[in-house]
């Protein structure tokens, strides 16, 4: 009986861990509105994820960045300004996919 309870607890713990990992990797799509030096303005398509706020780390395909500015609450569509070293590698008007990056605090 103890082995069954332990097995059920392990399966539940594994399921919760997998669900949390899947939710953390959710990607957001947007459209590049403008590019200036090292910043990109992106119009988020759909709902704004809860992690998108000022100073949040962002991960793009092949690069990382940081959210500098988020449009005011209630404004549709949501526009964010992201600082990244590889801003020149994207083009205005193209679709872009990004997700929450890892924090560099303490480095």
C-alpha atoms as a PDB file:
ATOM      1  CA  UNK A   1       0.000   0.000   0.000  1.00  0.00           C
ATOM      2  CA  UNK A   2       2.831   2.375   0.851  1.00  0.00           C
ATOM      3  CA  UNK A   3       4.494   1.662  -2.481  1.00  0.00           C
ATOM      4  CA  UNK A   4       1.292   2.539  -4.351  1.00  0.00           C
ATOM      5  CA  UNK A   5       0.910   5.848  -2.515  1.00  0.00           C
ATOM      6  CA  UNK A   6       4.552   6.679  -3.176  1.00  0.00           C
ATOM      7  CA  UNK A   7       4.147   5.796  -6.856  1.00  0.00           C
ATOM      8  CA  UNK A   8       1.047   8.003  -7.166  1.00  0.00           C
ATOM      9  CA  UNK A   9       2.830  10.917  -5.454  1.00  0.00           C
ATOM     10  CA  UNK A  10       5.796  10.575  -7.821  1.00  0.00           C
ATOM     11  CA  UNK A  11       3.520  10.549 -10.875  1.00  0.00           C
ATOM     12  CA  UNK A  12       1.656  13.631  -9.623  1.00  0.00           C
ATOM     13  CA  UNK A  13       4.920  15.463  -8.882  1.00  0.00           C
ATOM     14  CA  UNK A  14       6.287  14.593 -12.322  1.00  0.00           C
ATOM     15  CA  UNK A  15       3.057  15.769 -13.983  1.00  0.00           C
ATOM     16  CA  UNK A  16       3.117  19.112 -12.158  1.00  0.00           C
ATOM     17  CA  UNK A  17       6.768  19.645 -13.037  1.00  0.00           C
ATOM     18  CA  UNK A  18       6.131  18.885 -16.704  1.00  0.00           C
ATOM     19  CA  UNK A  19       3.108  21.214 -16.773  1.00  0.00           C
ATOM     20  CA  UNK A  20       5.110  24.043 -15.201  1.00  0.00           C
ATOM     21  CA  UNK A  21       7.957  23.566 -17.668  1.00  0.00           C
ATOM     22  CA  UNK A  22       5.559  23.556 -20.613  1.00  0.00           C
ATOM     23  CA  UNK A  23       3.829  26.739 -19.420  1.00  0.00           C
ATOM     24  CA  UNK A  24       7.155  28.509 -18.880  1.00  0.00           C
ATOM     25  CA  UNK A  25       8.210  27.899 -22.484  1.00  0.00           C
ATOM     26  CA  UNK A  26       5.068  29.421 -23.994  1.00  0.00           C
ATOM     27  CA  UNK A  27       6.063  31.561 -26.960  1.00  0.00           C
ATOM     28  CA  UNK A  28       4.501  34.890 -27.859  1.00  0.00           C
ATOM     29  CA  UNK A  29       4.200  36.226 -31.382  1.00  0.00           C
ATOM     30  CA  UNK A  30       4.258  39.804 -32.494  1.00  0.00           C
ATOM     31  CA  UNK A  31       4.968  42.137 -35.369  1.00  0.00           C
ATOM     32  CA  UNK A  32       8.018  44.403 -35.581  1.00  0.00           C
ATOM     33  CA  UNK A  33       6.803  48.004 -35.823  1.00  0.00           C
ATOM     34  CA  UNK A  34      10.113  49.869 -35.828  1.00  0.00           C
ATOM     35  CA  UNK A  35      13.829  49.482 -35.230  1.00  0.00           C
ATOM     36  CA  UNK A  36      16.113  52.169 -33.775  1.00  0.00           C
ATOM     37  CA  UNK A  37      19.778  51.433 -33.023  1.00  0.00           C
ATOM     38  CA  UNK A  38      19.543  48.706 -30.332  1.00  0.00           C
ATOM     39  CA  UNK A  39      15.785  48.803 -29.718  1.00  0.00           C
ATOM     40  CA  UNK A  40      12.822  47.082 -31.355  1.00  0.00           C
ATOM     41  CA  UNK A  41       9.164  48.072 -30.999  1.00  0.00           C
ATOM     42  CA  UNK A  42       6.937  44.997 -31.129  1.00  0.00           C
ATOM     43  CA  UNK A  43       3.146  44.835 -31.350  1.00  0.00           C
ATOM     44  CA  UNK A  44       2.034  41.761 -29.388  1.00  0.00           C
ATOM     45  CA  UNK A  45      -0.563  39.667 -31.192  1.00  0.00           C
ATOM     46  CA  UNK A  46      -3.205  38.332 -28.820  1.00  0.00           C
ATOM     47  CA  UNK A  47      -3.168  38.678 -25.059  1.00  0.00           C
ATOM     48  CA  UNK A  48      -0.163  40.087 -23.244  1.00  0.00           C
ATOM     49  CA  UNK A  49       1.586  37.414 -21.159  1.00  0.00           C
ATOM     50  CA  UNK A  50       1.842  38.165 -17.436  1.00  0.00           C
ATOM     51  CA  UNK A  51       5.646  38.109 -17.514  1.00  0.00           C
ATOM     52  CA  UNK A  52       5.850  40.991 -20.017  1.00  0.00           C
ATOM     53  CA  UNK A  53       6.738  44.013 -17.898  1.00  0.00           C
ATOM     54  CA  UNK A  54       9.490  46.601 -17.651  1.00  0.00           C
ATOM     55  CA  UNK A  55      13.004  45.122 -17.239  1.00  0.00           C
ATOM     56  CA  UNK A  56      11.827  41.546 -17.943  1.00  0.00           C
ATOM     57  CA  UNK A  57      14.356  39.398 -19.840  1.00  0.00           C
ATOM     58  CA  UNK A  58      13.315  38.322 -23.347  1.00  0.00           C
ATOM     59  CA  UNK A  59      14.656  35.483 -25.496  1.00  0.00           C
ATOM     60  CA  UNK A  60      14.416  35.636 -29.306  1.00  0.00           C
ATOM     61  CA  UNK A  61      15.683  33.186 -31.869  1.00  0.00           C
ATOM     62  CA  UNK A  62      19.440  33.462 -31.501  1.00  0.00           C
ATOM     63  CA  UNK A  63      19.545  36.452 -29.150  1.00  0.00           C
ATOM     64  CA  UNK A  64      18.340  37.889 -25.860  1.00  0.00           C
ATOM     65  CA  UNK A  65      17.092  41.272 -24.751  1.00  0.00           C
ATOM     66  CA  UNK A  66      15.310  43.263 -22.063  1.00  0.00           C
ATOM     67  CA  UNK A  67      11.896  44.951 -22.064  1.00  0.00           C
ATOM     68  CA  UNK A  68      12.398  48.713 -21.722  1.00  0.00           C
ATOM     69  CA  UNK A  69       8.792  49.852 -22.023  1.00  0.00           C
ATOM     70  CA  UNK A  70       5.268  48.398 -22.153  1.00  0.00           C
ATOM     71  CA  UNK A  71       2.244  50.329 -23.423  1.00  0.00           C
ATOM     72  CA  UNK A  72      -0.292  51.387 -20.772  1.00  0.00           C
ATOM     73  CA  UNK A  73      -2.821  48.902 -19.400  1.00  0.00           C
ATOM     74  CA  UNK A  74      -6.006  48.760 -21.433  1.00  0.00           C
ATOM     75  CA  UNK A  75      -4.361  50.005 -24.621  1.00  0.00           C
ATOM     76  CA  UNK A  76      -4.918  47.710 -27.584  1.00  0.00           C
ATOM     77  CA  UNK A  77      -2.735  46.481 -29.222  1.00  0.00           C
ATOM     78  CA  UNK A  78       0.005  46.076 -26.598  1.00  0.00           C
ATOM     79  CA  UNK A  79       3.317  47.502 -27.807  1.00  0.00           C
ATOM     80  CA  UNK A  80       6.615  46.753 -26.099  1.00  0.00           C
ATOM     81  CA  UNK A  81      10.053  48.238 -26.609  1.00  0.00           C
ATOM     82  CA  UNK A  82      12.892  45.728 -26.302  1.00  0.00           C
ATOM     83  CA  UNK A  83      16.617  46.455 -26.090  1.00  0.00           C
ATOM     84  CA  UNK A  84      18.829  43.916 -27.847  1.00  0.00           C
ATOM     85  CA  UNK A  85      22.274  43.934 -29.426  1.00  0.00           C
ATOM     86  CA  UNK A  86      20.992  42.234 -32.579  1.00  0.00           C
ATOM     87  CA  UNK A  87      18.190  44.672 -33.437  1.00  0.00           C
ATOM     88  CA  UNK A  88      19.602  45.017 -36.933  1.00  0.00           C
ATOM     89  CA  UNK A  89      18.965  41.355 -37.683  1.00  0.00           C
ATOM     90  CA  UNK A  90      15.175  41.825 -37.800  1.00  0.00           C
ATOM     91  CA  UNK A  91      13.144  43.782 -40.330  1.00  0.00           C
ATOM     92  CA  UNK A  92      10.188  46.103 -39.894  1.00  0.00           C
ATOM     93  CA  UNK A  93       6.852  44.452 -40.575  1.00  0.00           C
ATOM     94  CA  UNK A  94       8.046  40.888 -40.089  1.00  0.00           C
ATOM     95  CA  UNK A  95       6.574  38.485 -37.559  1.00  0.00           C
ATOM     96  CA  UNK A  96       8.712  37.711 -34.529  1.00  0.00           C
ATOM     97  CA  UNK A  97       8.445  35.023 -31.867  1.00  0.00           C
ATOM     98  CA  UNK A  98       9.799  35.517 -28.365  1.00  0.00           C
ATOM     99  CA  UNK A  99       9.521  34.101 -24.872  1.00  0.00           C
ATOM    100  CA  UNK A 100      10.524  34.838 -21.313  1.00  0.00           C
ATOM    101  CA  UNK A 101      14.274  34.834 -20.923  1.00  0.00           C
ATOM    102  CA  UNK A 102      16.403  33.871 -17.972  1.00  0.00           C
ATOM    103  CA  UNK A 103      17.282  36.496 -15.423  1.00  0.00           C
ATOM    104  CA  UNK A 104      20.870  37.699 -15.311  1.00  0.00           C
ATOM    105  CA  UNK A 105      20.582  39.046 -11.753  1.00  0.00           C
ATOM    106  CA  UNK A 106      23.696  38.396  -9.739  1.00  0.00           C
ATOM    107  CA  UNK A 107      25.998  37.922 -12.700  1.00  0.00           C
END
